[in-house]
């Protein structure tokens, strides 16, 4: 176990390393759509345009046999891990202090040297709480009439941009500074 402190939060990093004894993969396509219908679109009397989007979710199911002979199973989403039987693999997850479970965040194929990240979960872990920029935005609204609404709008955009940037910077730092060979 290793501890990660970031953005005012503390996580314990856990991992399991073992030999892949079985690996399976499937993909799920999620389709989302909207629009159309019998409502007037922008007062023209015609229907709203129909929009359809899809996302593909990759599911990896991996079984590892650790050095003590114990078998572990992992169901990973959106990693798209390339591994086969016989590869040595480390799967890592983070649990926030006070919680009992946490998301899988990294899979490291020691045989090939490839590292796979769950970027969505890493962003959640390393991003500062959303109430930070929310409070700053509310303060901007309160003082907006005094400093001008144009400047206020620029300040609000800067606040939220900084929030996104700082979280991304922390994710990048984690990726570049973590030596996954240490996790054995």
Protein backbone atom coordinates (compact mmCIF):
# COMPACT_ATOMS: atom_id res chain seq x y z
CA UNK A 1 0.00 0.00 0.00
CA UNK A 2 1.09 3.54 -0.77
CA UNK A 3 -0.58 6.84 0.18
CA UNK A 4 -1.43 9.59 -2.31
CA UNK A 5 -2.25 13.10 -1.03
CA UNK A 6 -3.75 15.47 -3.55
CA UNK A 7 -6.25 18.31 -3.81
CA UNK A 8 -6.98 18.15 -0.10
CA UNK A 9 -7.80 14.43 -0.29
CA UNK A 10 -5.89 11.34 0.83
CA UNK A 11 -6.06 8.00 -0.97
CA UNK A 12 -4.47 4.64 -0.29
CA UNK A 13 -3.12 3.02 -3.43
CA UNK A 14 -3.45 -0.79 -3.53
CA UNK A 15 -2.34 -3.25 -6.17
CA UNK A 16 -2.15 -6.90 -7.09
CA UNK A 17 0.54 -8.38 -9.29
CA UNK A 18 0.32 -11.79 -10.88
CA UNK A 19 0.54 -13.92 -13.94
CA UNK A 20 -2.42 -13.67 -16.33
CA UNK A 21 -4.18 -17.04 -16.40
CA UNK A 22 -7.17 -15.83 -18.40
CA UNK A 23 -8.17 -12.62 -20.15
CA UNK A 24 -11.37 -11.72 -21.95
CA UNK A 25 -12.65 -8.59 -23.61
CA UNK A 26 -15.99 -7.34 -24.85
CA UNK A 27 -17.32 -4.01 -26.01
CA UNK A 28 -20.58 -2.30 -25.26
CA UNK A 29 -21.96 0.44 -27.48
CA UNK A 30 -24.21 2.97 -25.77
CA UNK A 31 -26.45 4.96 -28.09
CA UNK A 32 -27.94 8.29 -27.06
CA UNK A 33 -30.41 10.29 -29.10
CA UNK A 34 -32.78 13.18 -28.95
CA UNK A 35 -34.67 15.75 -30.95
CA UNK A 36 -37.42 15.38 -33.46
CA UNK A 37 -40.92 15.18 -32.08
CA UNK A 38 -44.00 17.26 -32.71
CA UNK A 39 -42.83 20.48 -31.09
CA UNK A 40 -42.17 23.66 -33.01
CA UNK A 41 -38.44 24.20 -33.45
CA UNK A 42 -37.44 27.85 -32.99
CA UNK A 43 -40.90 28.99 -34.05
CA UNK A 44 -40.61 27.50 -37.56
CA UNK A 45 -43.26 24.84 -37.20
CA UNK A 46 -40.79 22.11 -38.05
CA UNK A 47 -39.33 19.43 -35.79
CA UNK A 48 -36.07 19.85 -33.92
CA UNK A 49 -33.08 18.13 -35.54
CA UNK A 50 -32.47 14.57 -34.46
CA UNK A 51 -29.08 13.92 -32.90
CA UNK A 52 -27.69 10.48 -32.26
CA UNK A 53 -24.35 9.78 -30.60
CA UNK A 54 -22.72 6.60 -29.45
CA UNK A 55 -19.92 5.71 -27.08
CA UNK A 56 -18.09 2.42 -26.84
CA UNK A 57 -17.15 1.01 -23.45
CA UNK A 58 -14.41 -1.62 -23.37
CA UNK A 59 -14.75 -4.30 -20.69
CA UNK A 60 -11.70 -6.35 -19.72
CA UNK A 61 -12.05 -9.41 -17.49
CA UNK A 62 -8.68 -10.58 -16.23
CA UNK A 63 -7.70 -13.40 -13.87
CA UNK A 64 -4.30 -13.19 -12.16
CA UNK A 65 -2.44 -15.81 -10.17
CA UNK A 66 -0.19 -14.16 -7.56
CA UNK A 67 3.10 -15.56 -6.21
CA UNK A 68 1.34 -17.20 -3.26
CA UNK A 69 -0.94 -19.16 -5.64
CA UNK A 70 -4.06 -17.09 -4.93
CA UNK A 71 -6.27 -16.21 -7.92
CA UNK A 72 -7.69 -12.68 -8.34
CA UNK A 73 -10.33 -11.51 -10.82
CA UNK A 74 -10.66 -7.99 -12.17
CA UNK A 75 -13.43 -6.43 -14.24
CA UNK A 76 -12.02 -3.25 -15.76
CA UNK A 77 -13.90 -0.67 -17.81
CA UNK A 78 -12.30 1.59 -20.42
CA UNK A 79 -8.76 0.35 -19.95
CA UNK A 80 -8.50 -1.78 -23.11
CA UNK A 81 -5.62 -3.78 -21.62
CA UNK A 82 -3.53 -5.77 -24.07
CA UNK A 83 -2.48 -8.93 -22.28
CA UNK A 84 -2.43 -12.67 -22.79
CA UNK A 85 -1.94 -15.76 -20.69
CA UNK A 86 1.50 -15.80 -19.14
CA UNK A 87 1.98 -12.01 -19.05
CA UNK A 88 2.81 -10.51 -15.66
CA UNK A 89 0.28 -7.79 -14.83
CA UNK A 90 -0.26 -5.33 -11.99
CA UNK A 91 -3.73 -3.88 -11.39
CA UNK A 92 -3.96 -0.88 -9.05
CA UNK A 93 -6.88 0.88 -7.38
CA UNK A 94 -7.27 3.88 -5.07
CA UNK A 95 -9.45 4.04 -1.95
CA UNK A 96 -10.20 7.40 -0.38
CA UNK A 97 -9.46 7.56 3.36
CA UNK A 98 -12.60 6.56 5.22
CA UNK A 99 -14.04 4.57 2.30
CA UNK A 100 -14.08 0.82 1.83
CA UNK A 101 -13.87 0.64 -1.96
CA UNK A 102 -12.41 2.67 -4.78
CA UNK A 103 -11.90 2.68 -8.54
CA UNK A 104 -9.32 0.82 -10.56
CA UNK A 105 -6.93 3.45 -11.90
CA UNK A 106 -3.89 1.76 -13.47
CA UNK A 107 -3.03 -1.53 -15.13
CA UNK A 108 0.62 -2.23 -15.88
CA UNK A 109 1.64 -5.09 -18.16
CA UNK A 110 5.11 -5.84 -16.80
CA UNK A 111 5.87 -8.22 -19.66
CA UNK A 112 5.30 -5.64 -22.41
CA UNK A 113 6.02 -2.51 -20.33
CA UNK A 114 2.67 -0.96 -21.29
CA UNK A 115 0.75 1.15 -18.77
CA UNK A 116 -3.02 1.64 -19.08
CA UNK A 117 -4.83 4.40 -17.18
CA UNK A 118 -8.45 5.02 -16.26
CA UNK A 119 -8.25 8.74 -17.08
CA UNK A 120 -11.83 9.46 -16.01
CA UNK A 121 -11.23 8.15 -12.50
CA UNK A 122 -7.81 9.80 -12.26
CA UNK A 123 -9.41 13.17 -13.07
CA UNK A 124 -11.95 12.64 -10.29
CA UNK A 125 -9.21 11.76 -7.80
CA UNK A 126 -6.82 14.57 -8.64
CA UNK A 127 -9.31 17.36 -9.31
CA UNK A 128 -9.93 19.86 -6.54
CA UNK A 129 -13.46 19.80 -5.09
CA UNK A 130 -15.98 21.56 -7.35
CA UNK A 131 -17.12 23.79 -4.52
CA UNK A 132 -13.80 25.72 -4.74
CA UNK A 133 -14.55 27.30 -8.14
CA UNK A 134 -18.27 27.41 -7.32
CA UNK A 135 -17.67 29.63 -4.29
CA UNK A 136 -15.28 31.81 -6.31
CA UNK A 137 -17.95 32.10 -9.04
CA UNK A 138 -20.57 33.17 -6.49
CA UNK A 139 -18.20 35.81 -5.11
CA UNK A 140 -17.68 37.09 -8.65
CA UNK A 141 -21.45 37.43 -9.10
CA UNK A 142 -21.73 39.41 -5.86
CA UNK A 143 -19.02 41.85 -6.86
CA UNK A 144 -19.87 41.81 -10.57
CA UNK A 145 -21.82 45.06 -10.54
CA UNK A 146 -18.91 46.85 -8.86
CA UNK A 147 -16.18 45.70 -11.25
CA UNK A 148 -18.24 45.32 -14.43
CA UNK A 149 -19.92 42.28 -15.90
CA UNK A 150 -17.37 41.86 -18.71
CA UNK A 151 -14.52 41.52 -16.24
CA UNK A 152 -16.68 39.27 -14.07
CA UNK A 153 -17.35 36.92 -16.98
CA UNK A 154 -13.63 36.77 -17.78
CA UNK A 155 -12.86 36.05 -14.11
CA UNK A 156 -15.43 33.23 -13.98
CA UNK A 157 -14.04 31.64 -17.15
CA UNK A 158 -10.52 31.92 -15.71
CA UNK A 159 -11.60 30.31 -12.42
CA UNK A 160 -13.14 27.25 -14.09
CA UNK A 161 -10.28 26.96 -16.59
CA UNK A 162 -7.78 27.00 -13.73
CA UNK A 163 -9.79 24.32 -11.92
CA UNK A 164 -9.66 22.04 -14.97
CA UNK A 165 -5.99 22.83 -15.66
CA UNK A 166 -4.83 22.15 -12.10
CA UNK A 167 -6.61 18.79 -12.01
CA UNK A 168 -5.09 17.78 -15.36
CA UNK A 169 -1.67 18.88 -14.16
CA UNK A 170 -1.97 16.62 -11.09
CA UNK A 171 -2.98 13.64 -13.27
CA UNK A 172 0.01 14.26 -15.53
CA UNK A 173 2.32 14.51 -12.50
CA UNK A 174 0.99 11.20 -11.14
CA UNK A 175 1.57 9.50 -14.49
CA UNK A 176 5.12 10.80 -14.92
CA UNK A 177 6.31 10.46 -11.31
CA UNK A 178 4.89 7.04 -10.42
CA UNK A 179 7.28 4.17 -11.04
CA UNK A 180 4.99 1.21 -11.52
CA UNK A 181 7.95 -1.18 -11.25
CA UNK A 182 7.94 -0.34 -7.53
CA UNK A 183 4.44 -1.76 -7.15
CA UNK A 184 5.17 -5.45 -6.68
